[in-house]
Amino acid sequence: MARIASIKATLNDAGGVRTVWEAHPGFTMGSVSLNDFIAVHDAVDELDKDCAKKDVELTGVKANRDDKARHLGELITRFRSGMRSTYGPDSPEYEQAGCTRASARKPPTRKGSSVSNPPAVTGA
């Protein structure tokens, strides 16, 4: 399984390699020369800048989506409140709107105290 490259660290390392390789332009790694390395380095750098720009655009789109979803949630709440006020909290229409009818709710239960017999208070 391939590991995900850390782009910033890779570009930082590539800058150092490029500086050293430019000092020794005759060095090659098999069929890879300095010009090949520079082309790949520049391509990755350009793609990283493009991704950063698109990330900013995507952040704006996400914020817009979140605002619209929040507004939609408010409209749903208003609709359900309107169904409750118009048809009542125990109506089938209220249940169809995604709410729980009053008759379907569990009755409240009292919480028992942890002390079964509290000590008697004596007046002194």
Foldseek 3Di string as FASTA:
>chain_A
DDDDDDLVVVLVVLVVVLVVCVVVQVDADVPRGSVNSVVVSVVSVVVVVVVVVVVVVVVVVVVVVVVVVVVVVVVLVVVLVVCCVPVNQQDVVSVVSVDDRPVRDDDDDDDDDPDPDDDDDDDD
